[in-house]
PDB file of N, CA and C in Angstrom:
ATOM      1  N   MET A   1     122.370 -55.575 -67.381  1.00  0.00           N
ATOM      2  CA  MET A   1     122.633 -56.879 -67.925  1.00  0.00           C
ATOM      3  C   MET A   1     121.805 -57.920 -67.158  1.00  0.00           C
ATOM      4  N   THR A   2     121.169 -58.810 -67.886  1.00  0.00           N
ATOM      5  CA  THR A   2     120.361 -59.864 -67.295  1.00  0.00           C
ATOM      6  C   THR A   2     121.249 -61.017 -66.855  1.00  0.00           C
ATOM      7  N   ALA A   3     120.942 -61.556 -65.683  1.00  0.00           N
ATOM      8  CA  ALA A   3     121.715 -62.707 -65.188  1.00  0.00           C
ATOM      9  C   ALA A   3     121.409 -63.927 -66.046  1.00  0.00           C
ATOM     10  N   PRO A   4     122.409 -64.750 -66.322  1.00  0.00           N
ATOM     11  CA  PRO A   4     122.170 -65.959 -67.118  1.00  0.00           C
ATOM     12  C   PRO A   4     121.336 -66.967 -66.336  1.00  0.00           C
ATOM     13  N   LYS A   5     120.640 -67.804 -67.084  1.00  0.00           N
ATOM     14  CA  LYS A   5     119.858 -68.877 -66.484  1.00  0.00           C
ATOM     15  C   LYS A   5     120.808 -69.880 -65.841  1.00  0.00           C
ATOM     16  N   LEU A   6     120.523 -70.263 -64.581  1.00  0.00           N
ATOM     17  CA  LEU A   6     121.318 -71.248 -63.861  1.00  0.00           C
ATOM     18  C   LEU A   6     120.819 -72.635 -64.221  1.00  0.00           C
ATOM     19  N   VAL A   7     121.688 -73.435 -64.824  1.00  0.00           N
ATOM     20  CA  VAL A   7     121.304 -74.749 -65.345  1.00  0.00           C
ATOM     21  C   VAL A   7     122.155 -75.846 -64.716  1.00  0.00           C
ATOM     22  N   ILE A   8     121.477 -76.831 -64.130  1.00  0.00           N
ATOM     23  CA  ILE A   8     122.166 -78.020 -63.654  1.00  0.00           C
ATOM     24  C   ILE A   8     122.179 -79.021 -64.795  1.00  0.00           C
ATOM     25  N   VAL A   9     123.356 -79.488 -65.137  1.00  0.00           N
ATOM     26  CA  VAL A   9     123.520 -80.451 -66.223  1.00  0.00           C
ATOM     27  C   VAL A   9     123.514 -81.865 -65.639  1.00  0.00           C
ATOM     28  N   GLU A  10     122.637 -82.697 -66.160  1.00  0.00           N
ATOM     29  CA  GLU A  10     122.592 -84.118 -65.820  1.00  0.00           C
ATOM     30  C   GLU A  10     122.975 -84.900 -67.072  1.00  0.00           C
ATOM     31  N   SER A  11     123.997 -85.742 -66.925  1.00  0.00           N
ATOM     32  CA  SER A  11     124.435 -86.609 -68.019  1.00  0.00           C
ATOM     33  C   SER A  11     125.028 -87.865 -67.393  1.00  0.00           C
ATOM     34  N   PRO A  12     125.140 -88.944 -68.160  1.00  0.00           N
ATOM     35  CA  PRO A  12     125.712 -90.166 -67.585  1.00  0.00           C
ATOM     36  C   PRO A  12     127.147 -89.933 -67.115  1.00  0.00           C
ATOM     37  N   TYR A  13     127.511 -90.577 -66.017  1.00  0.00           N
ATOM     38  CA  TYR A  13     128.887 -90.473 -65.543  1.00  0.00           C
ATOM     39  C   TYR A  13     129.494 -91.849 -65.289  1.00  0.00           C
ATOM     40  N   LYS A  14     128.890 -92.609 -64.408  1.00  0.00           N
ATOM     41  CA  LYS A  14     129.433 -93.904 -64.012  1.00  0.00           C
ATOM     42  C   LYS A  14     129.585 -94.813 -65.228  1.00  0.00           C
ATOM     43  N   ALA A  15     130.715 -95.530 -65.262  1.00  0.00           N
ATOM     44  CA  ALA A  15     130.987 -96.450 -66.370  1.00  0.00           C
ATOM     45  C   ALA A  15     131.689 -97.686 -65.837  1.00  0.00           C
ATOM     46  N   THR A  16     131.634 -98.753 -66.613  1.00  0.00           N
ATOM     47  CA  THR A  16     132.240-100.009 -66.186  1.00  0.00           C
ATOM     48  C   THR A  16     133.711-100.121 -66.569  1.00  0.00           C
ATOM     49  N   HIS A  17     134.188 -99.227 -67.429  1.00  0.00           N
ATOM     50  CA  HIS A  17     135.599 -99.260 -67.819  1.00  0.00           C
ATOM     51  C   HIS A  17     136.076 -97.842 -68.097  1.00  0.00           C
ATOM     52  N   GLU A  18     137.399 -97.671 -68.132  1.00  0.00           N
ATOM     53  CA  GLU A  18     137.972 -96.327 -68.275  1.00  0.00           C
ATOM     54  C   GLU A  18     137.579 -95.644 -69.576  1.00  0.00           C
ATOM     55  N   GLN A  19     137.482 -96.410 -70.650  1.00  0.00           N
ATOM     56  CA  GLN A  19     137.113 -95.818 -71.936  1.00  0.00           C
ATOM     57  C   GLN A  19     135.696 -95.252 -71.867  1.00  0.00           C
ATOM     58  N   GLY A  20     134.802 -95.968 -71.213  1.00  0.00           N
ATOM     59  CA  GLY A  20     133.430 -95.479 -71.048  1.00  0.00           C
ATOM     60  C   GLY A  20     133.372 -94.244 -70.176  1.00  0.00           C
ATOM     61  N   LEU A  21     134.177 -94.224 -69.119  1.00  0.00           N
ATOM     62  CA  LEU A  21     134.226 -93.056 -68.242  1.00  0.00           C
ATOM     63  C   LEU A  21     134.762 -91.845 -68.996  1.00  0.00           C
ATOM     64  N   ALA A  22     135.802 -92.051 -69.787  1.00  0.00           N
ATOM     65  CA  ALA A  22     136.368 -90.944 -70.577  1.00  0.00           C
ATOM     66  C   ALA A  22     135.325 -90.381 -71.541  1.00  0.00           C
ATOM     67  N   LEU A  23     134.549 -91.254 -72.154  1.00  0.00           N
ATOM     68  CA  LEU A  23     133.486 -90.816 -73.064  1.00  0.00           C
ATOM     69  C   LEU A  23     132.438 -90.008 -72.301  1.00  0.00           C
ATOM     70  N   ASN A  24     132.044 -90.491 -71.131  1.00  0.00           N
ATOM     71  CA  ASN A  24     131.024 -89.791 -70.347  1.00  0.00           C
ATOM     72  C   ASN A  24     131.509 -88.426 -69.867  1.00  0.00           C
ATOM     73  N   ILE A  25     132.785 -88.345 -69.499  1.00  0.00           N
ATOM     74  CA  ILE A  25     133.342 -87.058 -69.069  1.00  0.00           C
ATOM     75  C   ILE A  25     133.378 -86.081 -70.243  1.00  0.00           C
ATOM     76  N   LYS A  26     133.841 -86.546 -71.386  1.00  0.00           N
ATOM     77  CA  LYS A  26     133.879 -85.668 -72.566  1.00  0.00           C
ATOM     78  C   LYS A  26     132.466 -85.212 -72.939  1.00  0.00           C
ATOM     79  N   TYR A  27     131.508 -86.131 -72.860  1.00  0.00           N
ATOM     80  CA  TYR A  27     130.118 -85.782 -73.162  1.00  0.00           C
ATOM     81  C   TYR A  27     129.611 -84.699 -72.205  1.00  0.00           C
ATOM     82  N   ALA A  28     129.878 -84.852 -70.914  1.00  0.00           N
ATOM     83  CA  ALA A  28     129.434 -83.854 -69.938  1.00  0.00           C
ATOM     84  C   ALA A  28     130.069 -82.491 -70.217  1.00  0.00           C
ATOM     85  N   GLN A  29     131.337 -82.507 -70.605  1.00  0.00           N
ATOM     86  CA  GLN A  29     132.012 -81.252 -70.936  1.00  0.00           C
ATOM     87  C   GLN A  29     131.347 -80.575 -72.137  1.00  0.00           C
ATOM     88  N   LEU A  30     130.966 -81.369 -73.133  1.00  0.00           N
ATOM     89  CA  LEU A  30     130.281 -80.816 -74.301  1.00  0.00           C
ATOM     90  C   LEU A  30     128.893 -80.294 -73.925  1.00  0.00           C
ATOM     91  N   CYS A  31     128.255 -80.921 -72.959  1.00  0.00           N
ATOM     92  CA  CYS A  31     126.963 -80.424 -72.471  1.00  0.00           C
ATOM     93  C   CYS A  31     127.130 -79.057 -71.818  1.00  0.00           C
ATOM     94  N   LEU A  32     128.208 -78.906 -71.044  1.00  0.00           N
ATOM     95  CA  LEU A  32     128.498 -77.597 -70.455  1.00  0.00           C
ATOM     96  C   LEU A  32     128.706 -76.550 -71.545  1.00  0.00           C
ATOM     97  N   LEU A  33     129.464 -76.915 -72.564  1.00  0.00           N
ATOM     98  CA  LEU A  33     129.702 -75.994 -73.677  1.00  0.00           C
ATOM     99  C   LEU A  33     128.399 -75.621 -74.368  1.00  0.00           C
ATOM    100  N   ASP A  34     127.514 -76.591 -74.551  1.00  0.00           N
ATOM    101  CA  ASP A  34     126.220 -76.310 -75.167  1.00  0.00           C
ATOM    102  C   ASP A  34     125.463 -75.246 -74.371  1.00  0.00           C
ATOM    103  N   CYS A  35     125.444 -75.382 -73.067  1.00  0.00           N
ATOM    104  CA  CYS A  35     124.776 -74.388 -72.219  1.00  0.00           C
ATOM    105  C   CYS A  35     125.445 -73.019 -72.337  1.00  0.00           C
ATOM    106  N   LEU A  36     126.761 -73.008 -72.262  1.00  0.00           N
ATOM    107  CA  LEU A  36     127.490 -71.742 -72.347  1.00  0.00           C
ATOM    108  C   LEU A  36     127.246 -71.039 -73.673  1.00  0.00           C
ATOM    109  N   ARG A  37     127.151 -71.798 -74.746  1.00  0.00           N
ATOM    110  CA  ARG A  37     126.895 -71.215 -76.073  1.00  0.00           C
ATOM    111  C   ARG A  37     125.568 -70.458 -76.114  1.00  0.00           C
ATOM    112  N   THR A  38     124.617 -70.895 -75.332  1.00  0.00           N
ATOM    113  CA  THR A  38     123.298 -70.244 -75.348  1.00  0.00           C
ATOM    114  C   THR A  38     123.165 -69.189 -74.255  1.00  0.00           C
ATOM    115  N   GLY A  39     124.277 -68.878 -73.582  1.00  0.00           N
ATOM    116  CA  GLY A  39     124.269 -67.817 -72.582  1.00  0.00           C
ATOM    117  C   GLY A  39     123.841 -68.272 -71.193  1.00  0.00           C
ATOM    118  N   GLU A  40     123.787 -69.583 -70.974  1.00  0.00           N
ATOM    119  CA  GLU A  40     123.397 -70.095 -69.665  1.00  0.00           C
ATOM    120  C   GLU A  40     124.633 -70.258 -68.780  1.00  0.00           C
ATOM    121  N   ALA A  41     124.400 -70.418 -67.481  1.00  0.00           N
ATOM    122  CA  ALA A  41     125.472 -70.673 -66.515  1.00  0.00           C
ATOM    123  C   ALA A  41     125.294 -72.102 -66.000  1.00  0.00           C
ATOM    124  N   PRO A  42     126.000 -73.065 -66.610  1.00  0.00           N
ATOM    125  CA  PRO A  42     125.799 -74.470 -66.245  1.00  0.00           C
ATOM    126  C   PRO A  42     126.623 -74.903 -65.042  1.00  0.00           C
ATOM    127  N   TYR A  43     126.141 -75.957 -64.388  1.00  0.00           N
ATOM    128  CA  TYR A  43     126.804 -76.573 -63.247  1.00  0.00           C
ATOM    129  C   TYR A  43     126.651 -78.080 -63.388  1.00  0.00           C
ATOM    130  N   ALA A  44     127.755 -78.807 -63.272  1.00  0.00           N
ATOM    131  CA  ALA A  44     127.725 -80.265 -63.384  1.00  0.00           C
ATOM    132  C   ALA A  44     128.453 -80.851 -62.176  1.00  0.00           C
ATOM    133  N   SER A  45     127.703 -81.170 -61.141  1.00  0.00           N
ATOM    134  CA  SER A  45     128.317 -81.654 -59.901  1.00  0.00           C
ATOM    135  C   SER A  45     129.098 -82.943 -60.124  1.00  0.00           C
ATOM    136  N   HIS A  46     128.648 -83.775 -61.054  1.00  0.00           N
ATOM    137  CA  HIS A  46     129.340 -85.044 -61.281  1.00  0.00           C
ATOM    138  C   HIS A  46     130.741 -84.844 -61.859  1.00  0.00           C
ATOM    139  N   LEU A  47     131.003 -83.723 -62.491  1.00  0.00           N
ATOM    140  CA  LEU A  47     132.365 -83.418 -62.947  1.00  0.00           C
ATOM    141  C   LEU A  47     133.189 -82.787 -61.826  1.00  0.00           C
ATOM    142  N   LEU A  48     132.574 -81.935 -61.061  1.00  0.00           N
ATOM    143  CA  LEU A  48     133.277 -81.221 -59.997  1.00  0.00           C
ATOM    144  C   LEU A  48     133.623 -82.129 -58.817  1.00  0.00           C
ATOM    145  N   TYR A  49     132.645 -82.847 -58.319  1.00  0.00           N
ATOM    146  CA  TYR A  49     132.854 -83.627 -57.101  1.00  0.00           C
ATOM    147  C   TYR A  49     133.720 -84.868 -57.320  1.00  0.00           C
ATOM    148  N   THR A  50     133.900 -85.293 -58.544  1.00  0.00           N
ATOM    149  CA  THR A  50     134.732 -86.471 -58.808  1.00  0.00           C
ATOM    150  C   THR A  50     136.170 -86.105 -59.187  1.00  0.00           C
ATOM    151  N   LEU A  51     136.514 -84.842 -59.079  1.00  0.00           N
ATOM    152  CA  LEU A  51     137.904 -84.448 -59.324  1.00  0.00           C
ATOM    153  C   LEU A  51     138.809 -85.119 -58.288  1.00  0.00           C
ATOM    154  N   GLU A  52     140.050 -85.350 -58.666  1.00  0.00           N
ATOM    155  CA  GLU A  52     141.004 -85.957 -57.752  1.00  0.00           C
ATOM    156  C   GLU A  52     141.074 -85.147 -56.462  1.00  0.00           C
ATOM    157  N   HIS A  53     141.136 -85.810 -55.344  1.00  0.00           N
ATOM    158  CA  HIS A  53     141.222 -85.222 -54.009  1.00  0.00           C
ATOM    159  C   HIS A  53     139.892 -84.658 -53.507  1.00  0.00           C
ATOM    160  N   VAL A  54     138.796 -84.906 -54.228  1.00  0.00           N
ATOM    161  CA  VAL A  54     137.494 -84.455 -53.748  1.00  0.00           C
ATOM    162  C   VAL A  54     136.725 -85.692 -53.277  1.00  0.00           C
ATOM    163  N   LEU A  55     136.017 -86.361 -54.163  1.00  0.00           N
ATOM    164  CA  LEU A  55     135.287 -87.584 -53.828  1.00  0.00           C
ATOM    165  C   LEU A  55     135.591 -88.658 -54.863  1.00  0.00           C
ATOM    166  N   SER A  56     135.413 -89.904 -54.471  1.00  0.00           N
ATOM    167  CA  SER A  56     135.608 -91.016 -55.402  1.00  0.00           C
ATOM    168  C   SER A  56     134.260 -91.647 -55.726  1.00  0.00           C
ATOM    169  N   ASP A  57     133.943 -91.707 -56.988  1.00  0.00           N
ATOM    170  CA  ASP A  57     132.702 -92.335 -57.433  1.00  0.00           C
ATOM    171  C   ASP A  57     132.725 -93.839 -57.172  1.00  0.00           C
ATOM    172  N   ALA A  58     133.902 -94.408 -56.989  1.00  0.00           N
ATOM    173  CA  ALA A  58     134.048 -95.845 -56.759  1.00  0.00           C
ATOM    174  C   ALA A  58     133.775 -96.252 -55.310  1.00  0.00           C
ATOM    175  N   ILE A  59     133.701 -95.287 -54.417  1.00  0.00           N
ATOM    176  CA  ILE A  59     133.428 -95.562 -53.005  1.00  0.00           C
ATOM    177  C   ILE A  59     131.971 -95.182 -52.739  1.00  0.00           C
ATOM    178  N   PRO A  60     131.117 -96.171 -52.475  1.00  0.00           N
ATOM    179  CA  PRO A  60     129.665 -95.906 -52.366  1.00  0.00           C
ATOM    180  C   PRO A  60     129.289 -94.756 -51.435  1.00  0.00           C
ATOM    181  N   GLU A  61     129.923 -94.653 -50.279  1.00  0.00           N
ATOM    182  CA  GLU A  61     129.575 -93.565 -49.344  1.00  0.00           C
ATOM    183  C   GLU A  61     129.913 -92.197 -49.941  1.00  0.00           C
ATOM    184  N   GLN A  62     131.053 -92.129 -50.618  1.00  0.00           N
ATOM    185  CA  GLN A  62     131.450 -90.865 -51.237  1.00  0.00           C
ATOM    186  C   GLN A  62     130.560 -90.542 -52.429  1.00  0.00           C
ATOM    187  N   ARG A  63     130.202 -91.554 -53.205  1.00  0.00           N
ATOM    188  CA  ARG A  63     129.291 -91.355 -54.337  1.00  0.00           C
ATOM    189  C   ARG A  63     127.958 -90.782 -53.849  1.00  0.00           C
ATOM    190  N   LEU A  64     127.425 -91.358 -52.788  1.00  0.00           N
ATOM    191  CA  LEU A  64     126.157 -90.889 -52.231  1.00  0.00           C
ATOM    192  C   LEU A  64     126.276 -89.461 -51.708  1.00  0.00           C
ATOM    193  N   LYS A  65     127.386 -89.147 -51.080  1.00  0.00           N
ATOM    194  CA  LYS A  65     127.617 -87.790 -50.582  1.00  0.00           C
ATOM    195  C   LYS A  65     127.617 -86.788 -51.744  1.00  0.00           C
ATOM    196  N   GLY A  66     128.264 -87.158 -52.834  1.00  0.00           N
ATOM    197  CA  GLY A  66     128.298 -86.289 -54.009  1.00  0.00           C
ATOM    198  C   GLY A  66     126.920 -86.118 -54.632  1.00  0.00           C
ATOM    199  N   ILE A  67     126.166 -87.203 -54.707  1.00  0.00           N
ATOM    200  CA  ILE A  67     124.808 -87.128 -55.276  1.00  0.00           C
ATOM    201  C   ILE A  67     123.941 -86.199 -54.426  1.00  0.00           C
ATOM    202  N   ARG A  68     124.011 -86.367 -53.121  1.00  0.00           N
ATOM    203  CA  ARG A  68     123.208 -85.508 -52.227  1.00  0.00           C
ATOM    204  C   ARG A  68     123.596 -84.039 -52.353  1.00  0.00           C
ATOM    205  N   ALA A  69     124.900 -83.787 -52.443  1.00  0.00           N
ATOM    206  CA  ALA A  69     125.357 -82.402 -52.590  1.00  0.00           C
ATOM    207  C   ALA A  69     124.875 -81.811 -53.913  1.00  0.00           C
ATOM    208  N   GLY A  70     124.935 -82.608 -54.974  1.00  0.00           N
ATOM    209  CA  GLY A  70     124.447 -82.141 -56.273  1.00  0.00           C
ATOM    210  C   GLY A  70     122.949 -81.876 -56.252  1.00  0.00           C
ATOM    211  N   PHE A  71     122.197 -82.758 -55.591  1.00  0.00           N
ATOM    212  CA  PHE A  71     120.743 -82.584 -55.496  1.00  0.00           C
ATOM    213  C   PHE A  71     120.387 -81.300 -54.746  1.00  0.00           C
ATOM    214  N   ALA A  72     121.190 -80.911 -53.759  1.00  0.00           N
ATOM    215  CA  ALA A  72     120.906 -79.707 -52.976  1.00  0.00           C
ATOM    216  C   ALA A  72     120.860 -78.459 -53.862  1.00  0.00           C
ATOM    217  N   TRP A  73     121.655 -78.445 -54.925  1.00  0.00           N
ATOM    218  CA  TRP A  73     121.695 -77.297 -55.830  1.00  0.00           C
ATOM    219  C   TRP A  73     120.428 -77.164 -56.667  1.00  0.00           C
ATOM    220  N   LYS A  74     119.658 -78.227 -56.810  1.00  0.00           N
ATOM    221  CA  LYS A  74     118.466 -78.181 -57.655  1.00  0.00           C
ATOM    222  C   LYS A  74     117.452 -77.150 -57.173  1.00  0.00           C
ATOM    223  N   ARG A  75     117.445 -76.876 -55.889  1.00  0.00           N
ATOM    224  CA  ARG A  75     116.480 -75.925 -55.333  1.00  0.00           C
ATOM    225  C   ARG A  75     116.767 -74.472 -55.747  1.00  0.00           C
ATOM    226  N   VAL A  76     117.993 -74.182 -56.150  1.00  0.00           N
ATOM    227  CA  VAL A  76     118.329 -72.802 -56.530  1.00  0.00           C
ATOM    228  C   VAL A  76     118.483 -72.621 -58.042  1.00  0.00           C
ATOM    229  N   ALA A  77     118.531 -73.709 -58.770  1.00  0.00           N
ATOM    230  CA  ALA A  77     118.716 -73.617 -60.227  1.00  0.00           C
ATOM    231  C   ALA A  77     117.414 -73.195 -60.896  1.00  0.00           C
ATOM    232  N   ASP A  78     117.559 -72.588 -62.059  1.00  0.00           N
ATOM    233  CA  ASP A  78     116.385 -72.239 -62.859  1.00  0.00           C
ATOM    234  C   ASP A  78     115.812 -73.471 -63.542  1.00  0.00           C
ATOM    235  N   VAL A  79     116.688 -74.409 -63.898  1.00  0.00           N
ATOM    236  CA  VAL A  79     116.241 -75.622 -64.586  1.00  0.00           C
ATOM    237  C   VAL A  79     117.320 -76.704 -64.474  1.00  0.00           C
ATOM    238  N   THR A  80     116.889 -77.942 -64.481  1.00  0.00           N
ATOM    239  CA  THR A  80     117.807 -79.068 -64.612  1.00  0.00           C
ATOM    240  C   THR A  80     117.660 -79.594 -66.025  1.00  0.00           C
ATOM    241  N   ALA A  81     118.778 -79.674 -66.748  1.00  0.00           N
ATOM    242  CA  ALA A  81     118.771 -80.139 -68.137  1.00  0.00           C
ATOM    243  C   ALA A  81     119.328 -81.555 -68.194  1.00  0.00           C
ATOM    244  N   PHE A  82     118.504 -82.475 -68.641  1.00  0.00           N
ATOM    245  CA  PHE A  82     118.908 -83.867 -68.803  1.00  0.00           C
ATOM    246  C   PHE A  82     119.326 -84.070 -70.258  1.00  0.00           C
ATOM    247  N   TYR A  83     120.616 -84.317 -70.461  1.00  0.00           N
ATOM    248  CA  TYR A  83     121.136 -84.565 -71.805  1.00  0.00           C
ATOM    249  C   TYR A  83     121.058 -86.061 -72.079  1.00  0.00           C
ATOM    250  N   LEU A  84     120.383 -86.425 -73.158  1.00  0.00           N
ATOM    251  CA  LEU A  84     119.979 -87.810 -73.375  1.00  0.00           C
ATOM    252  C   LEU A  84     120.640 -88.534 -74.546  1.00  0.00           C
ATOM    253  N   ASP A  85     121.615 -87.941 -75.194  1.00  0.00           N
ATOM    254  CA  ASP A  85     122.244 -88.597 -76.343  1.00  0.00           C
ATOM    255  C   ASP A  85     122.822 -89.966 -75.985  1.00  0.00           C
ATOM    256  N   LEU A  86     123.307 -90.126 -74.761  1.00  0.00           N
ATOM    257  CA  LEU A  86     123.897 -91.395 -74.320  1.00  0.00           C
ATOM    258  C   LEU A  86     122.936 -92.195 -73.442  1.00  0.00           C
ATOM    259  N   GLY A  87     121.693 -91.785 -73.402  1.00  0.00           N
ATOM    260  CA  GLY A  87     120.707 -92.469 -72.575  1.00  0.00           C
ATOM    261  C   GLY A  87     120.594 -91.832 -71.207  1.00  0.00           C
ATOM    262  N   MET A  88     119.776 -92.457 -70.350  1.00  0.00           N
ATOM    263  CA  MET A  88     119.561 -91.950 -69.002  1.00  0.00           C
ATOM    264  C   MET A  88     120.073 -92.984 -68.001  1.00  0.00           C
ATOM    265  N   SER A  89     121.078 -92.595 -67.241  1.00  0.00           N
ATOM    266  CA  SER A  89     121.669 -93.482 -66.243  1.00  0.00           C
ATOM    267  C   SER A  89     120.758 -93.589 -65.021  1.00  0.00           C
ATOM    268  N   GLU A  90     121.101 -94.517 -64.135  1.00  0.00           N
ATOM    269  CA  GLU A  90     120.330 -94.657 -62.895  1.00  0.00           C
ATOM    270  C   GLU A  90     120.403 -93.379 -62.061  1.00  0.00           C
ATOM    271  N   GLY A  91     121.575 -92.756 -62.019  1.00  0.00           N
ATOM    272  CA  GLY A  91     121.717 -91.494 -61.290  1.00  0.00           C
ATOM    273  C   GLY A  91     120.836 -90.395 -61.869  1.00  0.00           C
ATOM    274  N   MET A  92     120.761 -90.360 -63.199  1.00  0.00           N
ATOM    275  CA  MET A  92     119.910 -89.373 -63.859  1.00  0.00           C
ATOM    276  C   MET A  92     118.440 -89.650 -63.567  1.00  0.00           C
ATOM    277  N   LYS A  93     118.075 -90.926 -63.531  1.00  0.00           N
ATOM    278  CA  LYS A  93     116.684 -91.281 -63.216  1.00  0.00           C
ATOM    279  C   LYS A  93     116.317 -90.817 -61.813  1.00  0.00           C
ATOM    280  N   SER A  94     117.242 -90.970 -60.872  1.00  0.00           N
ATOM    281  CA  SER A  94     117.001 -90.501 -59.507  1.00  0.00           C
ATOM    282  C   SER A  94     116.839 -88.983 -59.479  1.00  0.00           C
ATOM    283  N   ALA A  95     117.663 -88.287 -60.251  1.00  0.00           N
ATOM    284  CA  ALA A  95     117.567 -86.831 -60.318  1.00  0.00           C
ATOM    285  C   ALA A  95     116.235 -86.404 -60.933  1.00  0.00           C
ATOM    286  N   ARG A  96     115.790 -87.111 -61.965  1.00  0.00           N
ATOM    287  CA  ARG A  96     114.496 -86.794 -62.583  1.00  0.00           C
ATOM    288  C   ARG A  96     113.357 -87.012 -61.582  1.00  0.00           C
ATOM    289  N   GLU A  97     113.423 -88.113 -60.845  1.00  0.00           N
ATOM    290  CA  GLU A  97     112.396 -88.386 -59.836  1.00  0.00           C
ATOM    291  C   GLU A  97     112.357 -87.286 -58.785  1.00  0.00           C
ATOM    292  N   LEU A  98     113.519 -86.815 -58.349  1.00  0.00           N
ATOM    293  CA  LEU A  98     113.567 -85.725 -57.379  1.00  0.00           C
ATOM    294  C   LEU A  98     112.917 -84.474 -57.949  1.00  0.00           C
ATOM    295  N   CYS A  99     113.261 -84.139 -59.190  1.00  0.00           N
ATOM    296  CA  CYS A  99     112.663 -82.964 -59.829  1.00  0.00           C
ATOM    297  C   CYS A  99     111.137 -83.087 -59.885  1.00  0.00           C
ATOM    298  N   GLU A 100     110.657 -84.273 -60.223  1.00  0.00           N
ATOM    299  CA  GLU A 100     109.214 -84.486 -60.323  1.00  0.00           C
ATOM    300  C   GLU A 100     108.551 -84.428 -58.953  1.00  0.00           C
ATOM    301  N   GLN A 101     109.176 -85.042 -57.944  1.00  0.00           N
ATOM    302  CA  GLN A 101     108.610 -85.036 -56.590  1.00  0.00           C
ATOM    303  C   GLN A 101     108.513 -83.633 -56.020  1.00  0.00           C
ATOM    304  N   LEU A 102     109.531 -82.814 -56.268  1.00  0.00           N
ATOM    305  CA  LEU A 102     109.574 -81.464 -55.715  1.00  0.00           C
ATOM    306  C   LEU A 102     109.015 -80.418 -56.678  1.00  0.00           C
ATOM    307  N   ASN A 103     108.507 -80.885 -57.819  1.00  0.00           N
ATOM    308  CA  ASN A 103     107.956 -79.992 -58.839  1.00  0.00           C
ATOM    309  C   ASN A 103     108.982 -78.936 -59.274  1.00  0.00           C
ATOM    310  N   LEU A 104     110.208 -79.393 -59.500  1.00  0.00           N
ATOM    311  CA  LEU A 104     111.282 -78.505 -59.938  1.00  0.00           C
ATOM    312  C   LEU A 104     111.355 -78.505 -61.463  1.00  0.00           C
ATOM    313  N   PRO A 105     111.656 -77.357 -62.050  1.00  0.00           N
ATOM    314  CA  PRO A 105     111.716 -77.297 -63.512  1.00  0.00           C
ATOM    315  C   PRO A 105     112.845 -78.151 -64.076  1.00  0.00           C
ATOM    316  N   HIS A 106     112.507 -78.914 -65.105  1.00  0.00           N
ATOM    317  CA  HIS A 106     113.508 -79.747 -65.771  1.00  0.00           C
ATOM    318  C   HIS A 106     113.096 -79.945 -67.222  1.00  0.00           C
ATOM    319  N   GLU A 107     114.088 -80.257 -68.039  1.00  0.00           N
ATOM    320  CA  GLU A 107     113.825 -80.467 -69.462  1.00  0.00           C
ATOM    321  C   GLU A 107     114.822 -81.470 -70.015  1.00  0.00           C
ATOM    322  N   PHE A 108     114.482 -82.015 -71.160  1.00  0.00           N
ATOM    323  CA  PHE A 108     115.317 -83.010 -71.823  1.00  0.00           C
ATOM    324  C   PHE A 108     115.957 -82.375 -73.047  1.00  0.00           C
ATOM    325  N   ARG A 109     117.247 -82.606 -73.192  1.00  0.00           N
ATOM    326  CA  ARG A 109     118.010 -81.982 -74.271  1.00  0.00           C
ATOM    327  C   ARG A 109     118.885 -83.009 -74.976  1.00  0.00           C
ATOM    328  N   TYR A 110     119.299 -82.615 -76.179  1.00  0.00           N
ATOM    329  CA  TYR A 110     120.270 -83.367 -76.970  1.00  0.00           C
ATOM    330  C   TYR A 110     121.293 -82.370 -77.480  1.00  0.00           C
ATOM    331  N   LEU A 111     122.523 -82.811 -77.628  1.00  0.00           N
ATOM    332  CA  LEU A 111     123.557 -81.933 -78.168  1.00  0.00           C
ATOM    333  C   LEU A 111     123.289 -81.635 -79.632  1.00  0.00           C
ATOM    334  N   PRO A 112     123.617 -80.431 -80.077  1.00  0.00           N
ATOM    335  CA  PRO A 112     123.534 -80.146 -81.510  1.00  0.00           C
ATOM    336  C   PRO A 112     124.567 -80.987 -82.264  1.00  0.00           C
ATOM    337  N   ALA A 113     124.335 -81.186 -83.532  1.00  0.00           N
ATOM    338  CA  ALA A 113     125.163 -82.082 -84.349  1.00  0.00           C
ATOM    339  C   ALA A 113     126.648 -81.747 -84.301  1.00  0.00           C
ATOM    340  N   ASP A 114     127.005 -80.452 -84.317  1.00  0.00           N
ATOM    341  CA  ASP A 114     128.431 -80.099 -84.331  1.00  0.00           C
ATOM    342  C   ASP A 114     129.140 -80.518 -83.046  1.00  0.00           C
ATOM    343  N   LEU A 115     128.456 -80.463 -81.917  1.00  0.00           N
ATOM    344  CA  LEU A 115     129.071 -80.893 -80.661  1.00  0.00           C
ATOM    345  C   LEU A 115     129.058 -82.414 -80.540  1.00  0.00           C
ATOM    346  N   LEU A 116     127.984 -83.033 -80.980  1.00  0.00           N
ATOM    347  CA  LEU A 116     127.899 -84.485 -80.921  1.00  0.00           C
ATOM    348  C   LEU A 116     128.988 -85.121 -81.785  1.00  0.00           C
ATOM    349  N   GLN A 117     129.312 -84.465 -82.889  1.00  0.00           N
ATOM    350  CA  GLN A 117     130.357 -84.968 -83.779  1.00  0.00           C
ATOM    351  C   GLN A 117     131.718 -84.986 -83.061  1.00  0.00           C
ATOM    352  N   LYS A 118     131.946 -84.048 -82.151  1.00  0.00           N
ATOM    353  CA  LYS A 118     133.202 -83.989 -81.400  1.00  0.00           C
ATOM    354  C   LYS A 118     133.339 -85.159 -80.438  1.00  0.00           C
ATOM    355  N   LEU A 119     132.240 -85.816 -80.154  1.00  0.00           N
ATOM    356  CA  LEU A 119     132.255 -86.937 -79.222  1.00  0.00           C
ATOM    357  C   LEU A 119     132.819 -88.190 -79.869  1.00  0.00           C
ATOM    358  N   SER A 120     132.766 -88.248 -81.202  1.00  0.00           N
ATOM    359  CA  SER A 120     133.255 -89.404 -81.952  1.00  0.00           C
ATOM    360  C   SER A 120     132.554 -90.693 -81.541  1.00  0.00           C
ATOM    361  N   LEU A 121     131.242 -90.685 -81.618  1.00  0.00           N
ATOM    362  CA  LEU A 121     130.463 -91.888 -81.280  1.00  0.00           C
ATOM    363  C   LEU A 121     130.635 -92.972 -82.310  1.00  0.00           C
TER     364      LEU A 121
END
């Protein structure tokens, strides 16, 4: 059996209000599902590290710690997938710059229509 491709998922996370954050979290979850549907093994540090009792995105030092930890995984991933249906956040731009500086594989993706419909945009 062939090992699945290791994919780091980049999608917007930070939001100015709870409704926006809920939308971004649901979108990231659908991005994970998109990867899983194609047989990939996705990882989304922004969902994992912001779980309760881990790190707070609202505390700048903790946010930076989470970003750095997520960036560390880029060296072992097969590809970083930037999902762009909701645009590219500042955090995503930083991740893209890192990929470009280190010549790490990355690509731009959009959710298929059936998953995007679940987002209720």
